[in-house]
Amino acid sequence: MIAFTRGVPATEAFPVEALGECAASALAKYSSQILQYGSFRGFGPLREFIAAGHGLQPDQVLLSQGALQIVDFVARSLIAPGTTVLVEQPSYDRVIKVLRRAGATVVGVPLQEDGMDLTACEDLIREHHPLMTYVVSDFQNPSGTTMSEAKRRAFAALAEQYGMLVLEDLPYRRLRYTGDDISTIQSMIPDRTIELTSFSKLLSPGLRVGVALGPQQYMDRLGKTAQDTYITPALLPQATVFEFIDRGLLPAQIEKLHNLYRPRLSRLLTTLDAEMADLGTWARPEGGFFVGVTLNKSVKAETLIAKGLEKGIQLTNGRDFFADGRGDTFVRLPFCALTTEEIDEGVRTLAQVVSSL
């Protein structure tokens, strides 16, 4: 069975030996801090390192059990029932669920090849008066698109004009395999942006080290929710990550990931071109974990999933990524945890399934 479902790292990407050494070293150096209750904001040296890289104070950085938990803190701290939140359409399905659980009205903004349709975005802002917009600006989950520099600046101007908060999620930013980095929205409007990232895709999801940074007023509110949730987060994984960085190991690890994932993305795009050119359209990402395919013909997601299972591929329900539930013809293809041979076979099978329907 070839799993086109979860966007997980390849197990061979984990720096197992180095993480073991870093964990042992962290225990030796910081045992009195990391084995005791500590700051609800997370391990101090790691927060200081991240803050310095963004020109912020350490208390403007919050570390938690993965970035999705911080989305939950945002939802519980800032959102009242009935509050409108804009998301890209399609968007990360778990964030949509977390926002709705907090009582938010989630409205989708159509996504184009270079980011959100900003004309539609402004129309929706005027209609719904949203508190904030959630955006994955680099190698978006689930589509793989990247918002262009011009659109980021125009979107930042909209946020300023209408007094809107931005929740910018950047889990894949360091996983650019070709091309040049684009400035973050946070760097353009730091007083109006909460930036999220994590070490899940770079080191290990099991470490559960998520990061949020932003204006002090918002970080204090998120921190209070964090404190009330767990008193203090898991400090050993955070200290392990800091030790990994402090030893200068992160650049080589990121290069390793680039070398591992770049050919898998290239193979996926090549195979899609060969097998599905007449069946759908898709973005051409320069990094990240996903390529999202929009099929040309109408099909029910349940039918597609069931037929895929019969033929040996697992697919995610495309409707989950759409705030309006209209994603039947959307297929998210994660590639990082698959070999090039599995990618070839999986895409060929998908093409056969789609053609048969």
Protein backbone atom coordinates (compact mmCIF):
# COMPACT_ATOMS: atom_id res chain seq x y z
CA MET A 1 0.00 0.00 0.00
CA ILE A 2 1.43 3.39 -1.04
CA ALA A 3 0.35 6.12 1.38
CA PHE A 4 -0.47 9.49 -0.17
CA THR A 5 -1.97 10.54 3.15
CA ARG A 6 0.19 11.94 5.91
CA GLY A 7 2.88 14.54 5.27
CA VAL A 8 5.60 12.96 7.39
CA PRO A 9 9.39 13.12 7.12
CA ALA A 10 11.33 10.15 5.84
CA THR A 11 12.56 8.03 8.78
CA GLU A 12 16.02 7.97 7.22
CA ALA A 13 16.10 11.76 7.63
CA PHE A 14 16.24 11.59 11.43
CA PRO A 15 19.70 12.39 12.88
CA VAL A 16 19.32 9.63 15.46
CA GLU A 17 22.88 9.38 16.76
CA ALA A 18 23.39 13.15 16.96
CA LEU A 19 20.06 13.66 18.76
CA GLY A 20 21.02 10.98 21.28
CA GLU A 21 24.29 12.72 21.99
CA CYS A 22 22.59 16.11 22.22
CA ALA A 23 19.97 14.79 24.64
CA ALA A 24 22.65 13.31 26.89
CA SER A 25 24.63 16.54 26.76
CA ALA A 26 21.53 18.62 27.50
CA LEU A 27 20.82 16.48 30.56
CA ALA A 28 24.38 16.88 31.77
CA LYS A 29 24.39 20.64 31.27
CA TYR A 30 20.86 21.69 32.19
CA SER A 31 19.44 18.93 34.40
CA SER A 32 18.42 21.30 37.20
CA GLN A 33 16.42 23.35 34.67
CA ILE A 34 14.91 20.78 32.35
CA LEU A 35 13.96 18.12 34.90
CA GLN A 36 12.14 20.66 37.05
CA TYR A 37 9.09 22.79 36.38
CA GLY A 38 10.24 25.73 34.30
CA SER A 39 8.96 28.71 32.37
CA PHE A 40 5.65 28.22 30.59
CA ARG A 41 7.30 29.98 27.63
CA GLY A 42 9.79 27.14 27.17
CA PHE A 43 13.55 26.53 27.41
CA GLY A 44 15.27 29.90 27.82
CA PRO A 45 18.43 29.43 25.70
CA LEU A 46 16.41 28.23 22.69
CA ARG A 47 13.99 31.13 23.02
CA GLU A 48 16.92 33.55 23.26
CA PHE A 49 18.48 32.08 20.11
CA ILE A 50 15.24 32.33 18.12
CA ALA A 51 14.47 35.83 19.41
CA ALA A 52 17.91 37.11 18.43
CA GLY A 53 17.40 35.86 14.87
CA HIS A 54 14.22 37.93 14.56
CA GLY A 55 15.27 41.04 16.49
CA LEU A 56 12.81 40.25 19.29
CA GLN A 57 12.92 39.83 23.06
CA PRO A 58 12.95 36.25 24.43
CA ASP A 59 9.51 36.73 26.01
CA GLN A 60 8.14 37.29 22.50
CA VAL A 61 8.93 33.62 21.76
CA LEU A 62 6.77 30.74 22.97
CA LEU A 63 7.81 27.08 22.67
CA SER A 64 5.20 24.36 22.82
CA GLN A 65 4.36 20.75 21.95
CA GLY A 66 4.29 21.33 18.20
CA ALA A 67 2.98 24.29 16.21
CA LEU A 68 -0.58 22.92 16.02
CA GLN A 69 -0.89 23.23 19.79
CA ILE A 70 -0.01 26.90 19.45
CA VAL A 71 -2.82 27.25 16.90
CA ASP A 72 -5.07 25.82 19.60
CA PHE A 73 -3.71 28.41 22.06
CA VAL A 74 -4.44 31.15 19.52
CA ALA A 75 -7.97 29.83 19.06
CA ARG A 76 -8.66 29.59 22.80
CA SER A 77 -6.98 32.91 23.64
CA LEU A 78 -8.18 35.18 20.86
CA ILE A 79 -11.29 33.70 19.27
CA ALA A 80 -14.82 34.06 20.62
CA PRO A 81 -17.67 32.01 19.15
CA GLY A 82 -18.77 33.59 15.88
CA THR A 83 -15.40 35.24 15.19
CA THR A 84 -14.50 35.05 11.50
CA VAL A 85 -11.09 33.72 10.43
CA LEU A 86 -9.96 33.65 6.80
CA VAL A 87 -7.88 30.75 5.51
CA GLU A 88 -6.47 29.92 2.12
CA GLN A 89 -8.64 27.54 0.13
CA PRO A 90 -7.43 24.83 0.24
CA SER A 91 -5.72 25.05 3.65
CA TYR A 92 -4.29 22.78 6.34
CA ASP A 93 -7.22 20.62 7.44
CA ARG A 94 -6.23 20.32 11.10
CA VAL A 95 -6.09 24.09 11.54
CA ILE A 96 -9.59 24.40 10.09
CA LYS A 97 -10.78 21.85 12.65
CA VAL A 98 -9.04 23.59 15.57
CA LEU A 99 -10.51 26.98 14.62
CA ARG A 100 -14.01 25.56 14.28
CA ARG A 101 -13.70 23.77 17.61
CA ALA A 102 -13.15 27.20 19.18
CA GLY A 103 -16.36 28.46 17.56
CA ALA A 104 -14.78 30.37 14.69
CA THR A 105 -16.53 30.93 11.38
CA VAL A 106 -13.87 29.78 8.89
CA VAL A 107 -14.06 31.36 5.42
CA GLY A 108 -11.87 30.25 2.51
CA VAL A 109 -10.03 32.62 0.18
CA PRO A 110 -9.41 31.11 -3.30
CA LEU A 111 -5.78 30.13 -3.84
CA GLN A 112 -3.92 30.92 -7.06
CA GLU A 113 -0.50 29.75 -8.28
CA ASP A 114 1.25 32.65 -6.53
CA GLY A 115 -0.86 32.78 -3.37
CA MET A 116 -4.30 33.99 -2.35
CA ASP A 117 -6.58 35.81 -4.75
CA LEU A 118 -6.20 39.23 -3.11
CA THR A 119 -9.22 40.74 -4.84
CA ALA A 120 -11.39 38.01 -3.36
CA CYS A 121 -9.54 38.39 -0.06
CA GLU A 122 -10.36 42.10 0.21
CA ASP A 123 -13.98 41.45 -0.73
CA LEU A 124 -14.23 38.83 2.05
CA ILE A 125 -12.54 41.16 4.55
CA ARG A 126 -15.12 43.84 3.80
CA GLU A 127 -17.97 41.35 4.04
CA HIS A 128 -16.94 39.38 7.14
CA HIS A 129 -14.60 41.71 9.13
CA PRO A 130 -12.29 38.84 10.15
CA LEU A 131 -10.13 38.91 13.25
CA MET A 132 -7.26 37.25 11.41
CA THR A 133 -6.10 35.27 8.41
CA TYR A 134 -4.20 31.99 8.63
CA VAL A 135 -1.67 31.59 5.83
CA VAL A 136 1.07 29.07 4.95
CA SER A 137 3.16 31.35 2.78
CA ASP A 138 5.98 28.95 1.79
CA PHE A 139 5.23 25.61 0.05
CA GLN A 140 1.69 25.61 1.28
CA ASN A 141 0.03 22.61 2.87
CA PRO A 142 -1.80 21.11 0.99
CA SER A 143 -1.25 22.71 -2.45
CA GLY A 144 2.53 23.29 -2.48
CA THR A 145 2.12 26.89 -3.70
CA THR A 146 4.28 29.77 -2.46
CA MET A 147 2.96 33.30 -2.07
CA SER A 148 4.94 35.70 -4.26
CA GLU A 149 6.83 38.67 -2.82
CA ALA A 150 4.44 41.10 -4.51
CA LYS A 151 1.40 39.36 -3.03
CA ARG A 152 2.96 39.21 0.43
CA ARG A 153 3.49 42.94 0.39
CA ALA A 154 -0.01 43.60 -0.93
CA PHE A 155 -1.52 41.23 1.62
CA ALA A 156 0.48 42.89 4.41
CA ALA A 157 -0.92 46.24 3.28
CA LEU A 158 -4.47 44.82 3.44
CA ALA A 159 -3.85 43.56 6.97
CA GLU A 160 -2.65 47.02 8.00
CA GLN A 161 -5.51 48.80 6.25
CA TYR A 162 -8.23 46.68 7.86
CA GLY A 163 -6.57 46.09 11.25
CA MET A 164 -6.35 42.32 10.71
CA LEU A 165 -4.08 39.90 12.57
CA VAL A 166 -2.01 37.44 10.50
CA LEU A 167 -1.14 33.92 11.62
CA GLU A 168 1.78 32.96 9.35
CA ASP A 169 2.71 29.26 9.48
CA LEU A 170 6.20 28.44 8.17
CA PRO A 171 6.93 24.75 8.86
CA TYR A 172 8.51 24.17 5.42
CA ARG A 173 10.42 27.43 4.96
CA ARG A 174 13.88 25.89 5.47
CA LEU A 175 13.01 23.13 2.99
CA ARG A 176 13.55 25.11 -0.21
CA TYR A 177 15.29 22.83 -2.73
CA THR A 178 15.64 25.34 -5.58
CA GLY A 179 15.14 29.08 -6.06
CA ASP A 180 15.48 31.96 -3.63
CA ASP A 181 13.85 32.75 -0.29
CA ILE A 182 11.09 35.35 -0.13
CA SER A 183 10.70 37.74 2.79
CA THR A 184 8.20 36.59 5.41
CA ILE A 185 5.00 38.47 6.12
CA GLN A 186 6.19 38.70 9.72
CA SER A 187 9.21 40.71 8.58
CA MET A 188 6.89 43.12 6.74
CA ILE A 189 4.30 43.70 9.49
CA PRO A 190 5.85 42.39 12.74
CA ASP A 191 3.33 44.24 14.92
CA ARG A 192 0.44 42.42 13.26
CA THR A 193 1.83 38.91 12.72
CA ILE A 194 2.16 35.81 14.86
CA GLU A 195 4.67 33.52 13.16
CA LEU A 196 4.59 29.75 13.66
CA THR A 197 7.21 27.15 12.89
CA SER A 198 8.56 23.93 14.36
CA PHE A 199 11.46 21.50 14.30
CA SER A 200 9.21 18.60 13.28
CA LYS A 201 10.19 18.63 9.61
CA LEU A 202 13.86 19.50 10.24
CA LEU A 203 14.76 17.13 13.09
CA SER A 204 11.85 14.96 14.27
CA PRO A 205 8.09 15.28 14.78
CA GLY A 206 8.43 13.13 17.91
CA LEU A 207 10.39 15.86 19.67
CA ARG A 208 7.24 18.04 19.55
CA VAL A 209 9.04 21.38 19.54
CA GLY A 210 6.84 24.10 18.08
CA VAL A 211 7.61 27.82 18.01
CA ALA A 212 5.51 30.97 17.98
CA LEU A 213 6.81 34.53 17.93
CA GLY A 214 5.06 37.84 17.69
CA PRO A 215 3.93 41.04 19.40
CA GLN A 216 4.26 40.98 23.19
CA GLN A 217 0.55 41.59 23.79
CA TYR A 218 -0.40 38.45 21.90
CA MET A 219 2.43 36.30 23.21
CA ASP A 220 1.44 37.13 26.78
CA ARG A 221 -2.10 35.94 26.10
CA LEU A 222 -0.91 32.76 24.41
CA GLY A 223 1.55 32.20 27.25
CA LYS A 224 -1.21 32.47 29.84
CA THR A 225 -3.20 29.81 28.00
CA ALA A 226 -0.08 27.64 27.77
CA GLN A 227 0.58 28.01 31.49
CA ASP A 228 -2.99 27.09 32.34
CA THR A 229 -2.77 24.08 30.02
CA TYR A 230 0.43 22.35 31.16
CA ILE A 231 2.26 24.61 33.66
CA THR A 232 5.46 24.01 31.72
CA PRO A 233 6.14 22.27 28.39
CA ALA A 234 8.46 19.31 27.86
CA LEU A 235 11.88 20.91 28.33
CA LEU A 236 14.21 17.99 27.51
CA PRO A 237 13.28 17.96 23.79
CA GLN A 238 13.66 21.75 23.63
CA ALA A 239 17.08 21.59 25.29
CA THR A 240 18.05 18.78 22.90
CA VAL A 241 17.11 20.95 19.91
CA PHE A 242 19.11 23.85 21.35
CA GLU A 243 22.15 21.62 21.89
CA PHE A 244 21.84 20.42 18.26
CA ILE A 245 21.83 24.04 17.07
CA ASP A 246 24.54 25.13 19.50
CA ARG A 247 26.88 22.42 18.18
CA GLY A 248 26.45 23.82 14.67
CA LEU A 249 24.72 20.69 13.34
CA LEU A 250 21.59 22.23 11.84
CA PRO A 251 23.03 23.51 8.51
CA ALA A 252 24.36 20.06 7.59
CA GLN A 253 21.07 18.46 8.61
CA ILE A 254 19.11 20.84 6.38
CA GLU A 255 21.48 20.15 3.47
CA LYS A 256 20.93 16.43 4.04
CA LEU A 257 17.16 16.96 3.83
CA HIS A 258 17.51 18.98 0.64
CA ASN A 259 19.58 16.24 -0.98
CA LEU A 260 17.11 13.58 0.15
CA TYR A 261 13.88 15.34 -0.81
CA ARG A 262 14.88 17.30 -3.93
CA PRO A 263 14.97 14.23 -6.24
CA ARG A 264 11.66 12.98 -4.80
CA LEU A 265 9.92 16.24 -5.63
CA SER A 266 11.51 16.26 -9.08
CA ARG A 267 10.36 12.68 -9.72
CA LEU A 268 6.82 13.47 -8.57
CA LEU A 269 6.53 16.44 -10.92
CA THR A 270 8.04 14.49 -13.82
CA THR A 271 5.71 11.53 -13.28
CA LEU A 272 2.68 13.79 -12.96
CA ASP A 273 3.62 15.42 -16.27
CA ALA A 274 3.92 12.00 -17.92
CA GLU A 275 0.85 10.32 -16.41
CA MET A 276 -1.69 13.00 -15.55
CA ALA A 277 -1.24 15.90 -17.94
CA ASP A 278 -4.77 15.42 -19.29
CA LEU A 279 -6.34 14.63 -15.92
CA GLY A 280 -5.61 17.64 -13.73
CA THR A 281 -3.51 20.67 -12.86
CA TRP A 282 -1.03 21.32 -10.07
CA ALA A 283 1.51 23.79 -8.76
CA ARG A 284 5.23 23.28 -9.30
CA PRO A 285 6.74 23.77 -5.82
CA GLU A 286 10.40 24.54 -5.25
CA GLY A 287 10.34 22.87 -1.85
CA GLY A 288 8.18 21.59 0.97
CA PHE A 289 6.33 18.29 1.39
CA PHE A 290 3.34 18.40 -0.97
CA VAL A 291 2.01 18.77 -4.48
CA GLY A 292 -1.75 19.34 -4.67
CA VAL A 293 -3.58 18.12 -7.78
CA THR A 294 -6.95 19.49 -8.91
CA LEU A 295 -8.69 16.96 -11.16
CA ASN A 296 -10.34 18.12 -14.37
CA LYS A 297 -13.41 15.89 -14.02
CA SER A 298 -16.04 15.74 -11.30
CA VAL A 299 -15.67 12.84 -8.87
CA LYS A 300 -16.79 12.13 -5.31
CA ALA A 301 -13.94 11.97 -2.80
CA GLU A 302 -15.29 8.79 -1.17
CA THR A 303 -15.41 7.05 -4.55
CA LEU A 304 -11.87 8.12 -5.36
CA ILE A 305 -10.56 6.97 -1.98
CA ALA A 306 -12.33 3.61 -2.16
CA LYS A 307 -11.12 2.91 -5.70
CA GLY A 308 -7.61 3.94 -4.71
CA LEU A 309 -7.59 1.48 -1.82
CA GLU A 310 -8.66 -1.29 -4.19
CA LYS A 311 -5.66 -0.52 -6.38
CA GLY A 312 -3.13 -0.05 -3.58
CA ILE A 313 -2.95 3.67 -2.80
CA GLN A 314 -4.23 5.57 0.23
CA LEU A 315 -5.63 9.06 -0.37
CA THR A 316 -6.89 11.83 1.94
CA ASN A 317 -10.40 13.25 1.55
CA GLY A 318 -9.88 16.48 -0.38
CA ARG A 319 -12.95 18.12 1.15
CA ASP A 320 -11.17 18.34 4.51
CA PHE A 321 -8.85 21.02 3.11
CA PHE A 322 -11.67 23.30 1.94
CA ALA A 323 -13.51 25.60 4.32
CA ASP A 324 -16.59 25.31 2.11
CA GLY A 325 -16.27 21.53 1.73
CA ARG A 326 -15.98 21.63 -2.05
CA GLY A 327 -12.70 19.74 -2.41
CA ASP A 328 -13.93 16.48 -3.95
CA THR A 329 -11.61 16.87 -6.93
CA PHE A 330 -8.55 17.88 -4.87
CA VAL A 331 -5.81 15.32 -4.18
CA ARG A 332 -2.87 16.09 -1.87
CA LEU A 333 0.28 14.14 -2.72
CA PRO A 334 2.93 14.06 0.03
CA PHE A 335 6.25 12.82 -1.36
CA CYS A 336 8.99 13.10 1.27
CA ALA A 337 8.45 9.73 2.96
CA LEU A 338 8.18 7.83 -0.36
CA THR A 339 10.96 6.44 -2.52
CA THR A 340 11.15 7.49 -6.14
CA GLU A 341 9.94 4.01 -7.11
CA GLU A 342 6.90 4.35 -4.84
CA ILE A 343 6.21 7.81 -6.29
CA ASP A 344 6.28 6.41 -9.83
CA GLU A 345 3.98 3.52 -9.01
CA GLY A 346 1.66 5.65 -6.89
CA VAL A 347 1.14 8.32 -9.52
CA ARG A 348 0.62 5.75 -12.28
CA THR A 349 -1.98 4.04 -10.11
CA LEU A 350 -3.67 7.34 -9.32
CA ALA A 351 -3.85 8.14 -13.04
CA GLN A 352 -5.43 4.74 -13.73
CA VAL A 353 -7.97 5.25 -10.93
CA VAL A 354 -8.91 8.75 -12.08
CA SER A 355 -9.20 7.61 -15.71
CA SER A 356 -11.43 4.70 -14.72
CA LEU A 357 -13.79 7.08 -12.88
